[in-house]
Amino acid sequence: MDYTDSGFRAGFRRGLRVAWDAMRFRPFRHEPWPAPPMPSLREHLEAYGGTRMSPADFDRCETDWYRMFDRDLMGMRCARYVLFGAWILMFAAVGLLVWTVVS
C-alpha cells in the first residue's frame, strides 16, 4: 500500500484518537502509526534518482514529499473538527433538554 493513498485516513484516525484521549484527560500514549511507515528522506530521494536527478525530477520529488505530509495533517485537522462539532452538538442537545425540563 502506498503511503500517499492512505495518509488522509491514517491522519484522520490518529487525530480522532489523540483528540478523544485529550478530552478524557488521558495522557498521550504511544501507539503504532495506522499507516505504512513513511520512507526516510534518503529512500525518497533515491526513488527519484538520488543526486543525479534533474531539476524537474527534484520538483516532482519535493511535491510528492510535501503531499504525504499535507494529506496526513489534513486528516488530523478534519478529525479534530469532527470531534469538536460532535461535542458542540452534544452540549446543545443537553442544553435544550435542560431548558425544556426547567421551563
PDB file of N, CA and C in Angstrom:
ATOM      1  N   MET A   1       0.851  -1.168   0.000  1.00  0.00           N
ATOM      2  CA  MET A   1       0.000   0.000   0.000  1.00  0.00           C
ATOM      3  C   MET A   1       0.900   1.235   0.000  1.00  0.00           C
ATOM      4  N   ASP A   2       0.588   2.177  -0.855  1.00  0.00           N
ATOM      5  CA  ASP A   2       1.366   3.402  -0.940  1.00  0.00           C
ATOM      6  C   ASP A   2       0.951   4.330   0.191  1.00  0.00           C
ATOM      7  N   TYR A   3       1.931   4.986   0.796  1.00  0.00           N
ATOM      8  CA  TYR A   3       1.623   5.868   1.922  1.00  0.00           C
ATOM      9  C   TYR A   3       0.755   7.040   1.495  1.00  0.00           C
ATOM     10  N   THR A   4       0.972   7.568   0.308  1.00  0.00           N
ATOM     11  CA  THR A   4       0.222   8.748  -0.110  1.00  0.00           C
ATOM     12  C   THR A   4      -1.263   8.450  -0.268  1.00  0.00           C
ATOM     13  N   ASP A   5      -1.627   7.214  -0.560  1.00  0.00           N
ATOM     14  CA  ASP A   5      -3.043   6.878  -0.707  1.00  0.00           C
ATOM     15  C   ASP A   5      -3.755   6.800   0.634  1.00  0.00           C
ATOM     16  N   SER A   6      -3.057   6.404   1.683  1.00  0.00           N
ATOM     17  CA  SER A   6      -3.708   6.197   2.975  1.00  0.00           C
ATOM     18  C   SER A   6      -3.386   7.290   3.979  1.00  0.00           C
ATOM     19  N   GLY A   7      -2.686   8.335   3.578  1.00  0.00           N
ATOM     20  CA  GLY A   7      -2.264   9.375   4.516  1.00  0.00           C
ATOM     21  C   GLY A   7      -3.420  10.102   5.163  1.00  0.00           C
ATOM     22  N   PHE A   8      -4.459  10.446   4.400  1.00  0.00           N
ATOM     23  CA  PHE A   8      -5.586  11.164   4.971  1.00  0.00           C
ATOM     24  C   PHE A   8      -6.327  10.303   5.981  1.00  0.00           C
ATOM     25  N   ARG A   9      -6.609   9.058   5.610  1.00  0.00           N
ATOM     26  CA  ARG A   9      -7.330   8.168   6.532  1.00  0.00           C
ATOM     27  C   ARG A   9      -6.522   7.919   7.798  1.00  0.00           C
ATOM     28  N   ALA A  10      -5.225   7.716   7.639  1.00  0.00           N
ATOM     29  CA  ALA A  10      -4.378   7.468   8.804  1.00  0.00           C
ATOM     30  C   ALA A  10      -4.338   8.695   9.703  1.00  0.00           C
ATOM     31  N   GLY A  11      -4.208   9.873   9.104  1.00  0.00           N
ATOM     32  CA  GLY A  11      -4.206  11.095   9.895  1.00  0.00           C
ATOM     33  C   GLY A  11      -5.534  11.330  10.581  1.00  0.00           C
ATOM     34  N   PHE A  12      -6.633  11.031   9.884  1.00  0.00           N
ATOM     35  CA  PHE A  12      -7.957  11.207  10.473  1.00  0.00           C
ATOM     36  C   PHE A  12      -8.133  10.283  11.673  1.00  0.00           C
ATOM     37  N   ARG A  13      -7.748   9.028  11.497  1.00  0.00           N
ATOM     38  CA  ARG A  13      -7.868   8.062  12.586  1.00  0.00           C
ATOM     39  C   ARG A  13      -6.997   8.456  13.774  1.00  0.00           C
ATOM     40  N   ARG A  14      -5.776   8.860  13.486  1.00  0.00           N
ATOM     41  CA  ARG A  14      -4.855   9.268  14.545  1.00  0.00           C
ATOM     42  C   ARG A  14      -5.355  10.532  15.232  1.00  0.00           C
ATOM     43  N   GLY A  15      -5.875  11.484  14.456  1.00  0.00           N
ATOM     44  CA  GLY A  15      -6.406  12.711  15.040  1.00  0.00           C
ATOM     45  C   GLY A  15      -7.592  12.453  15.950  1.00  0.00           C
ATOM     46  N   LEU A  16      -8.485  11.550  15.544  1.00  0.00           N
ATOM     47  CA  LEU A  16      -9.615  11.201  16.414  1.00  0.00           C
ATOM     48  C   LEU A  16      -9.136  10.576  17.717  1.00  0.00           C
ATOM     49  N   ARG A  17      -8.175   9.694  17.615  1.00  0.00           N
ATOM     50  CA  ARG A  17      -7.669   9.025  18.810  1.00  0.00           C
ATOM     51  C   ARG A  17      -7.005  10.012  19.766  1.00  0.00           C
ATOM     52  N   VAL A  18      -6.191  10.900  19.238  1.00  0.00           N
ATOM     53  CA  VAL A  18      -5.495  11.870  20.086  1.00  0.00           C
ATOM     54  C   VAL A  18      -6.476  12.845  20.716  1.00  0.00           C
ATOM     55  N   ALA A  19      -7.421  13.371  19.935  1.00  0.00           N
ATOM     56  CA  ALA A  19      -8.393  14.320  20.476  1.00  0.00           C
ATOM     57  C   ALA A  19      -9.298  13.654  21.506  1.00  0.00           C
ATOM     58  N   TRP A  20      -9.708  12.433  21.249  1.00  0.00           N
ATOM     59  CA  TRP A  20     -10.581  11.729  22.188  1.00  0.00           C
ATOM     60  C   TRP A  20      -9.848  11.460  23.504  1.00  0.00           C
ATOM     61  N   ASP A  21      -8.595  11.054  23.430  1.00  0.00           N
ATOM     62  CA  ASP A  21      -7.817  10.829  24.652  1.00  0.00           C
ATOM     63  C   ASP A  21      -7.605  12.123  25.423  1.00  0.00           C
ATOM     64  N   ALA A  22      -7.397  13.223  24.706  1.00  0.00           N
ATOM     65  CA  ALA A  22      -7.201  14.509  25.375  1.00  0.00           C
ATOM     66  C   ALA A  22      -8.480  14.958  26.077  1.00  0.00           C
ATOM     67  N   MET A  23      -9.639  14.697  25.476  1.00  0.00           N
ATOM     68  CA  MET A  23     -10.897  15.095  26.099  1.00  0.00           C
ATOM     69  C   MET A  23     -11.219  14.244  27.317  1.00  0.00           C
ATOM     70  N   ARG A  24     -10.684  13.045  27.359  1.00  0.00           N
ATOM     71  CA  ARG A  24     -10.914  12.189  28.525  1.00  0.00           C
ATOM     72  C   ARG A  24      -9.784  12.320  29.536  1.00  0.00           C
ATOM     73  N   PHE A  25      -8.894  13.317  29.344  1.00  0.00           N
ATOM     74  CA  PHE A  25      -7.773  13.609  30.233  1.00  0.00           C
ATOM     75  C   PHE A  25      -6.850  12.414  30.423  1.00  0.00           C
ATOM     76  N   ARG A  26      -6.668  11.649  29.366  1.00  0.00           N
ATOM     77  CA  ARG A  26      -5.721  10.537  29.393  1.00  0.00           C
ATOM     78  C   ARG A  26      -4.401  11.026  28.835  1.00  0.00           C
ATOM     79  N   PRO A  27      -3.309  10.623  29.426  1.00  0.00           N
ATOM     80  CA  PRO A  27      -2.022  11.054  28.872  1.00  0.00           C
ATOM     81  C   PRO A  27      -1.820  10.460  27.491  1.00  0.00           C
ATOM     82  N   PHE A  28      -1.056  11.172  26.680  1.00  0.00           N
ATOM     83  CA  PHE A  28      -0.787  10.709  25.325  1.00  0.00           C
ATOM     84  C   PHE A  28      -0.011   9.413  25.389  1.00  0.00           C
ATOM     85  N   ARG A  29      -0.502   8.394  24.731  1.00  0.00           N
ATOM     86  CA  ARG A  29       0.186   7.106  24.734  1.00  0.00           C
ATOM     87  C   ARG A  29       0.745   6.836  23.345  1.00  0.00           C
ATOM     88  N   HIS A  30       1.869   6.208  23.313  1.00  0.00           N
ATOM     89  CA  HIS A  30       2.486   5.898  22.031  1.00  0.00           C
ATOM     90  C   HIS A  30       1.840   4.656  21.451  1.00  0.00           C
ATOM     91  N   GLU A  31       1.303   4.802  20.250  1.00  0.00           N
ATOM     92  CA  GLU A  31       0.707   3.674  19.555  1.00  0.00           C
ATOM     93  C   GLU A  31       1.303   3.620  18.164  1.00  0.00           C
ATOM     94  N   PRO A  32       1.338   2.463  17.582  1.00  0.00           N
ATOM     95  CA  PRO A  32       1.892   2.396  16.228  1.00  0.00           C
ATOM     96  C   PRO A  32       1.041   3.199  15.252  1.00  0.00           C
ATOM     97  N   TRP A  33       1.693   3.806  14.301  1.00  0.00           N
ATOM     98  CA  TRP A  33       1.013   4.607  13.296  1.00  0.00           C
ATOM     99  C   TRP A  33       0.133   3.687  12.447  1.00  0.00           C
ATOM    100  N   PRO A  34      -1.109   4.058  12.162  1.00  0.00           N
ATOM    101  CA  PRO A  34      -2.013   3.158  11.459  1.00  0.00           C
ATOM    102  C   PRO A  34      -1.777   3.050   9.953  1.00  0.00           C
ATOM    103  N   ALA A  35      -0.708   3.622   9.458  1.00  0.00           N
ATOM    104  CA  ALA A  35      -0.405   3.545   8.028  1.00  0.00           C
ATOM    105  C   ALA A  35       0.987   2.949   7.849  1.00  0.00           C
ATOM    106  N   PRO A  36       1.311   2.559   6.660  1.00  0.00           N
ATOM    107  CA  PRO A  36       2.672   2.083   6.431  1.00  0.00           C
ATOM    108  C   PRO A  36       3.671   3.176   6.813  1.00  0.00           C
ATOM    109  N   PRO A  37       4.838   2.823   7.286  1.00  0.00           N
ATOM    110  CA  PRO A  37       5.789   3.858   7.698  1.00  0.00           C
ATOM    111  C   PRO A  37       6.221   4.708   6.510  1.00  0.00           C
ATOM    112  N   MET A  38       6.400   5.973   6.782  1.00  0.00           N
ATOM    113  CA  MET A  38       6.869   6.867   5.726  1.00  0.00           C
ATOM    114  C   MET A  38       8.303   6.520   5.386  1.00  0.00           C
ATOM    115  N   PRO A  39       8.671   6.674   4.133  1.00  0.00           N
ATOM    116  CA  PRO A  39      10.067   6.416   3.774  1.00  0.00           C
ATOM    117  C   PRO A  39      10.963   7.498   4.361  1.00  0.00           C
ATOM    118  N   SER A  40      12.211   7.152   4.599  1.00  0.00           N
ATOM    119  CA  SER A  40      13.148   8.165   5.053  1.00  0.00           C
ATOM    120  C   SER A  40      13.420   9.119   3.895  1.00  0.00           C
ATOM    121  N   LEU A  41      13.974  10.250   4.205  1.00  0.00           N
ATOM    122  CA  LEU A  41      14.259  11.221   3.157  1.00  0.00           C
ATOM    123  C   LEU A  41      15.251  10.655   2.147  1.00  0.00           C
ATOM    124  N   ARG A  42      16.213   9.899   2.640  1.00  0.00           N
ATOM    125  CA  ARG A  42      17.199   9.286   1.737  1.00  0.00           C
ATOM    126  C   ARG A  42      16.526   8.300   0.782  1.00  0.00           C
ATOM    127  N   GLU A  43      15.644   7.444   1.305  1.00  0.00           N
ATOM    128  CA  GLU A  43      14.935   6.480   0.452  1.00  0.00           C
ATOM    129  C   GLU A  43      14.056   7.198  -0.571  1.00  0.00           C
ATOM    130  N   HIS A  44      13.424   8.262  -0.131  1.00  0.00           N
ATOM    131  CA  HIS A  44      12.550   9.009  -1.036  1.00  0.00           C
ATOM    132  C   HIS A  44      13.364   9.651  -2.157  1.00  0.00           C
ATOM    133  N   LEU A  45      14.503  10.221  -1.819  1.00  0.00           N
ATOM    134  CA  LEU A  45      15.348  10.831  -2.850  1.00  0.00           C
ATOM    135  C   LEU A  45      15.913   9.778  -3.801  1.00  0.00           C
ATOM    136  N   GLU A  46      16.292   8.628  -3.274  1.00  0.00           N
ATOM    137  CA  GLU A  46      16.829   7.559  -4.130  1.00  0.00           C
ATOM    138  C   GLU A  46      15.768   7.030  -5.100  1.00  0.00           C
ATOM    139  N   ALA A  47      14.511   7.044  -4.690  1.00  0.00           N
ATOM    140  CA  ALA A  47      13.447   6.584  -5.579  1.00  0.00           C
ATOM    141  C   ALA A  47      13.292   7.497  -6.795  1.00  0.00           C
ATOM    142  N   TYR A  48      13.715   8.740  -6.667  1.00  0.00           N
ATOM    143  CA  TYR A  48      13.621   9.688  -7.778  1.00  0.00           C
ATOM    144  C   TYR A  48      14.950   9.885  -8.495  1.00  0.00           C
ATOM    145  N   GLY A  49      15.949   9.129  -8.164  1.00  0.00           N
ATOM    146  CA  GLY A  49      17.215   9.220  -8.880  1.00  0.00           C
ATOM    147  C   GLY A  49      18.367   9.726  -8.052  1.00  0.00           C
ATOM    148  N   GLY A  50      18.155  10.005  -6.787  1.00  0.00           N
ATOM    149  CA  GLY A  50      19.251  10.427  -5.923  1.00  0.00           C
ATOM    150  C   GLY A  50      19.844  11.766  -6.326  1.00  0.00           C
ATOM    151  N   THR A  51      21.164  11.857  -6.268  1.00  0.00           N
ATOM    152  CA  THR A  51      21.829  13.126  -6.545  1.00  0.00           C
ATOM    153  C   THR A  51      21.934  13.423  -8.024  1.00  0.00           C
ATOM    154  N   ARG A  52      21.617  12.477  -8.880  1.00  0.00           N
ATOM    155  CA  ARG A  52      21.723  12.679 -10.327  1.00  0.00           C
ATOM    156  C   ARG A  52      20.410  13.116 -10.973  1.00  0.00           C
ATOM    157  N   MET A  53      19.411  13.484 -10.164  1.00  0.00           N
ATOM    158  CA  MET A  53      18.119  13.848 -10.749  1.00  0.00           C
ATOM    159  C   MET A  53      18.168  15.245 -11.356  1.00  0.00           C
ATOM    160  N   SER A  54      17.316  15.449 -12.317  1.00  0.00           N
ATOM    161  CA  SER A  54      17.218  16.743 -12.984  1.00  0.00           C
ATOM    162  C   SER A  54      16.387  17.692 -12.114  1.00  0.00           C
ATOM    163  N   PRO A  55      16.401  18.983 -12.402  1.00  0.00           N
ATOM    164  CA  PRO A  55      15.573  19.921 -11.631  1.00  0.00           C
ATOM    165  C   PRO A  55      14.077  19.592 -11.697  1.00  0.00           C
ATOM    166  N   ALA A  56      13.609  19.099 -12.815  1.00  0.00           N
ATOM    167  CA  ALA A  56      12.188  18.718 -12.920  1.00  0.00           C
ATOM    168  C   ALA A  56      11.880  17.519 -12.017  1.00  0.00           C
ATOM    169  N   ASP A  57      12.812  16.550 -11.985  1.00  0.00           N
ATOM    170  CA  ASP A  57      12.618  15.400 -11.090  1.00  0.00           C
ATOM    171  C   ASP A  57      12.647  15.833  -9.635  1.00  0.00           C
ATOM    172  N   PHE A  58      13.538  16.770  -9.311  1.00  0.00           N
ATOM    173  CA  PHE A  58      13.601  17.254  -7.929  1.00  0.00           C
ATOM    174  C   PHE A  58      12.307  17.960  -7.540  1.00  0.00           C
ATOM    175  N   ASP A  59      11.751  18.755  -8.433  1.00  0.00           N
ATOM    176  CA  ASP A  59      10.484  19.431  -8.145  1.00  0.00           C
ATOM    177  C   ASP A  59       9.368  18.419  -7.914  1.00  0.00           C
ATOM    178  N   ARG A  60       9.338  17.372  -8.745  1.00  0.00           N
ATOM    179  CA  ARG A  60       8.323  16.323  -8.570  1.00  0.00           C
ATOM    180  C   ARG A  60       8.538  15.579  -7.258  1.00  0.00           C
ATOM    181  N   CYS A  61       9.798  15.318  -6.911  1.00  0.00           N
ATOM    182  CA  CYS A  61      10.142  14.642  -5.659  1.00  0.00           C
ATOM    183  C   CYS A  61       9.696  15.486  -4.464  1.00  0.00           C
ATOM    184  N   GLU A  62       9.991  16.779  -4.517  1.00  0.00           N
ATOM    185  CA  GLU A  62       9.622  17.673  -3.423  1.00  0.00           C
ATOM    186  C   GLU A  62       8.110  17.782  -3.287  1.00  0.00           C
ATOM    187  N   THR A  63       7.404  17.863  -4.403  1.00  0.00           N
ATOM    188  CA  THR A  63       5.947  17.939  -4.380  1.00  0.00           C
ATOM    189  C   THR A  63       5.337  16.688  -3.746  1.00  0.00           C
ATOM    190  N   ASP A  64       5.850  15.519  -4.123  1.00  0.00           N
ATOM    191  CA  ASP A  64       5.338  14.274  -3.542  1.00  0.00           C
ATOM    192  C   ASP A  64       5.640  14.183  -2.054  1.00  0.00           C
ATOM    193  N   TRP A  65       6.796  14.647  -1.645  1.00  0.00           N
ATOM    194  CA  TRP A  65       7.177  14.596  -0.226  1.00  0.00           C
ATOM    195  C   TRP A  65       6.235  15.457   0.604  1.00  0.00           C
ATOM    196  N   TYR A  66       5.966  16.674   0.144  1.00  0.00           N
ATOM    197  CA  TYR A  66       5.052  17.549   0.887  1.00  0.00           C
ATOM    198  C   TYR A  66       3.617  17.056   0.821  1.00  0.00           C
ATOM    199  N   ARG A  67       3.241  16.400  -0.257  1.00  0.00           N
ATOM    200  CA  ARG A  67       1.886  15.857  -0.370  1.00  0.00           C
ATOM    201  C   ARG A  67       1.636  14.789   0.698  1.00  0.00           C
ATOM    202  N   MET A  68       2.655  13.990   0.999  1.00  0.00           N
ATOM    203  CA  MET A  68       2.488  12.975   2.048  1.00  0.00           C
ATOM    204  C   MET A  68       2.162  13.625   3.385  1.00  0.00           C
ATOM    205  N   PHE A  69       2.868  14.701   3.708  1.00  0.00           N
ATOM    206  CA  PHE A  69       2.610  15.384   4.978  1.00  0.00           C
ATOM    207  C   PHE A  69       1.284  16.120   4.967  1.00  0.00           C
ATOM    208  N   ASP A  70       0.955  16.771   3.859  1.00  0.00           N
ATOM    209  CA  ASP A  70      -0.275  17.548   3.792  1.00  0.00           C
ATOM    210  C   ASP A  70      -1.512  16.677   3.961  1.00  0.00           C
ATOM    211  N   ARG A  71      -1.526  15.512   3.345  1.00  0.00           N
ATOM    212  CA  ARG A  71      -2.693  14.635   3.473  1.00  0.00           C
ATOM    213  C   ARG A  71      -2.864  14.152   4.902  1.00  0.00           C
ATOM    214  N   ASP A  72      -1.755  13.829   5.536  1.00  0.00           N
ATOM    215  CA  ASP A  72      -1.828  13.363   6.913  1.00  0.00           C
ATOM    216  C   ASP A  72      -2.298  14.475   7.838  1.00  0.00           C
ATOM    217  N   LEU A  73      -1.735  15.663   7.696  1.00  0.00           N
ATOM    218  CA  LEU A  73      -2.125  16.776   8.557  1.00  0.00           C
ATOM    219  C   LEU A  73      -3.560  17.204   8.301  1.00  0.00           C
ATOM    220  N   MET A  74      -4.006  17.143   7.054  1.00  0.00           N
ATOM    221  CA  MET A  74      -5.391  17.485   6.762  1.00  0.00           C
ATOM    222  C   MET A  74      -6.339  16.485   7.429  1.00  0.00           C
ATOM    223  N   GLY A  75      -5.973  15.223   7.424  1.00  0.00           N
ATOM    224  CA  GLY A  75      -6.795  14.224   8.103  1.00  0.00           C
ATOM    225  C   GLY A  75      -6.888  14.478   9.592  1.00  0.00           C
ATOM    226  N   MET A  76      -5.769  14.859  10.213  1.00  0.00           N
ATOM    227  CA  MET A  76      -5.793  15.139  11.645  1.00  0.00           C
ATOM    228  C   MET A  76      -6.633  16.372  11.948  1.00  0.00           C
ATOM    229  N   ARG A  77      -6.532  17.405  11.117  1.00  0.00           N
ATOM    230  CA  ARG A  77      -7.354  18.601  11.320  1.00  0.00           C
ATOM    231  C   ARG A  77      -8.834  18.284  11.177  1.00  0.00           C
ATOM    232  N   CYS A  78      -9.197  17.529  10.164  1.00  0.00           N
ATOM    233  CA  CYS A  78     -10.607  17.175   9.952  1.00  0.00           C
ATOM    234  C   CYS A  78     -11.151  16.366  11.122  1.00  0.00           C
ATOM    235  N   ALA A  79     -10.344  15.460  11.638  1.00  0.00           N
ATOM    236  CA  ALA A  79     -10.788  14.663  12.782  1.00  0.00           C
ATOM    237  C   ALA A  79     -11.044  15.554  13.989  1.00  0.00           C
ATOM    238  N   ARG A  80     -10.172  16.522  14.196  1.00  0.00           N
ATOM    239  CA  ARG A  80     -10.357  17.438  15.328  1.00  0.00           C
ATOM    240  C   ARG A  80     -11.659  18.216  15.162  1.00  0.00           C
ATOM    241  N   TYR A  81     -11.931  18.716  13.957  1.00  0.00           N
ATOM    242  CA  TYR A  81     -13.152  19.485  13.740  1.00  0.00           C
ATOM    243  C   TYR A  81     -14.396  18.625  13.882  1.00  0.00           C
ATOM    244  N   VAL A  82     -14.333  17.395  13.422  1.00  0.00           N
ATOM    245  CA  VAL A  82     -15.481  16.488  13.562  1.00  0.00           C
ATOM    246  C   VAL A  82     -15.768  16.216  15.031  1.00  0.00           C
ATOM    247  N   LEU A  83     -14.735  15.958  15.799  1.00  0.00           N
ATOM    248  CA  LEU A  83     -14.932  15.660  17.215  1.00  0.00           C
ATOM    249  C   LEU A  83     -15.421  16.887  17.976  1.00  0.00           C
ATOM    250  N   PHE A  84     -14.860  18.048  17.685  1.00  0.00           N
ATOM    251  CA  PHE A  84     -15.334  19.265  18.340  1.00  0.00           C
ATOM    252  C   PHE A  84     -16.773  19.565  17.956  1.00  0.00           C
ATOM    253  N   GLY A  85     -17.134  19.332  16.705  1.00  0.00           N
ATOM    254  CA  GLY A  85     -18.510  19.526  16.276  1.00  0.00           C
ATOM    255  C   GLY A  85     -19.466  18.587  17.006  1.00  0.00           C
ATOM    256  N   ALA A  86     -19.035  17.355  17.205  1.00  0.00           N
ATOM    257  CA  ALA A  86     -19.874  16.392  17.936  1.00  0.00           C
ATOM    258  C   ALA A  86     -20.083  16.839  19.382  1.00  0.00           C
ATOM    259  N   TRP A  87     -19.022  17.351  20.001  1.00  0.00           N
ATOM    260  CA  TRP A  87     -19.153  17.838  21.379  1.00  0.00           C
ATOM    261  C   TRP A  87     -20.081  19.052  21.437  1.00  0.00           C
ATOM    262  N   ILE A  88     -19.980  19.950  20.492  1.00  0.00           N
ATOM    263  CA  ILE A  88     -20.858  21.125  20.483  1.00  0.00           C
ATOM    264  C   ILE A  88     -22.313  20.699  20.315  1.00  0.00           C
ATOM    265  N   LEU A  89     -22.566  19.753  19.410  1.00  0.00           N
ATOM    266  CA  LEU A  89     -23.939  19.253  19.235  1.00  0.00           C
ATOM    267  C   LEU A  89     -24.442  18.557  20.494  1.00  0.00           C
ATOM    268  N   MET A  90     -23.569  17.813  21.164  1.00  0.00           N
ATOM    269  CA  MET A  90     -23.975  17.143  22.395  1.00  0.00           C
ATOM    270  C   MET A  90     -24.330  18.170  23.472  1.00  0.00           C
ATOM    271  N   PHE A  91     -23.506  19.211  23.637  1.00  0.00           N
ATOM    272  CA  PHE A  91     -23.815  20.228  24.635  1.00  0.00           C
ATOM    273  C   PHE A  91     -25.077  21.001  24.270  1.00  0.00           C
ATOM    274  N   ALA A  92     -25.305  21.230  22.993  1.00  0.00           N
ATOM    275  CA  ALA A  92     -26.538  21.900  22.569  1.00  0.00           C
ATOM    276  C   ALA A  92     -27.749  21.030  22.883  1.00  0.00           C
ATOM    277  N   ALA A  93     -27.648  19.732  22.654  1.00  0.00           N
ATOM    278  CA  ALA A  93     -28.762  18.827  22.954  1.00  0.00           C
ATOM    279  C   ALA A  93     -29.030  18.771  24.456  1.00  0.00           C
ATOM    280  N   VAL A  94     -27.985  18.705  25.251  1.00  0.00           N
ATOM    281  CA  VAL A  94     -28.166  18.685  26.711  1.00  0.00           C
ATOM    282  C   VAL A  94     -28.750  20.006  27.184  1.00  0.00           C
ATOM    283  N   GLY A  95     -28.273  21.116  26.626  1.00  0.00           N
ATOM    284  CA  GLY A  95     -28.826  22.420  26.995  1.00  0.00           C
ATOM    285  C   GLY A  95     -30.287  22.536  26.633  1.00  0.00           C
ATOM    286  N   LEU A  96     -30.661  22.043  25.457  1.00  0.00           N
ATOM    287  CA  LEU A  96     -32.063  22.060  25.049  1.00  0.00           C
ATOM    288  C   LEU A  96     -32.908  21.183  25.966  1.00  0.00           C
ATOM    289  N   LEU A  97     -32.388  20.034  26.333  1.00  0.00           N
ATOM    290  CA  LEU A  97     -33.107  19.141  27.244  1.00  0.00           C
ATOM    291  C   LEU A  97     -33.299  19.791  28.608  1.00  0.00           C
ATOM    292  N   VAL A  98     -32.261  20.402  29.125  1.00  0.00           N
ATOM    293  CA  VAL A  98     -32.376  21.089  30.425  1.00  0.00           C
ATOM    294  C   VAL A  98     -33.361  22.258  30.327  1.00  0.00           C
ATOM    295  N   TRP A  99     -33.309  23.001  29.245  1.00  0.00           N
ATOM    296  CA  TRP A  99     -34.193  24.133  29.081  1.00  0.00           C
ATOM    297  C   TRP A  99     -35.660  23.693  29.010  1.00  0.00           C
ATOM    298  N   THR A 100     -35.941  22.556  28.314  1.00  0.00           N
ATOM    299  CA  THR A 100     -37.321  22.087  28.225  1.00  0.00           C
ATOM    300  C   THR A 100     -37.805  21.517  29.565  1.00  0.00           C
ATOM    301  N   VAL A 101     -36.899  20.908  30.322  1.00  0.00           N
ATOM    302  CA  VAL A 101     -37.300  20.349  31.629  1.00  0.00           C
ATOM    303  C   VAL A 101     -37.545  21.466  32.627  1.00  0.00           C
ATOM    304  N   VAL A 102     -36.714  22.492  32.606  1.00  0.00           N
ATOM    305  CA  VAL A 102     -36.847  23.587  33.579  1.00  0.00           C
ATOM    306  C   VAL A 102     -38.048  24.454  33.278  1.00  0.00           C
ATOM    307  N   SER A 103     -38.331  24.711  32.015  1.00  0.00           N
ATOM    308  CA  SER A 103     -39.446  25.633  31.698  1.00  0.00           C
ATOM    309  C   SER A 103     -40.742  24.920  31.466  1.00  0.00           C
TER     310      SER A 103
END
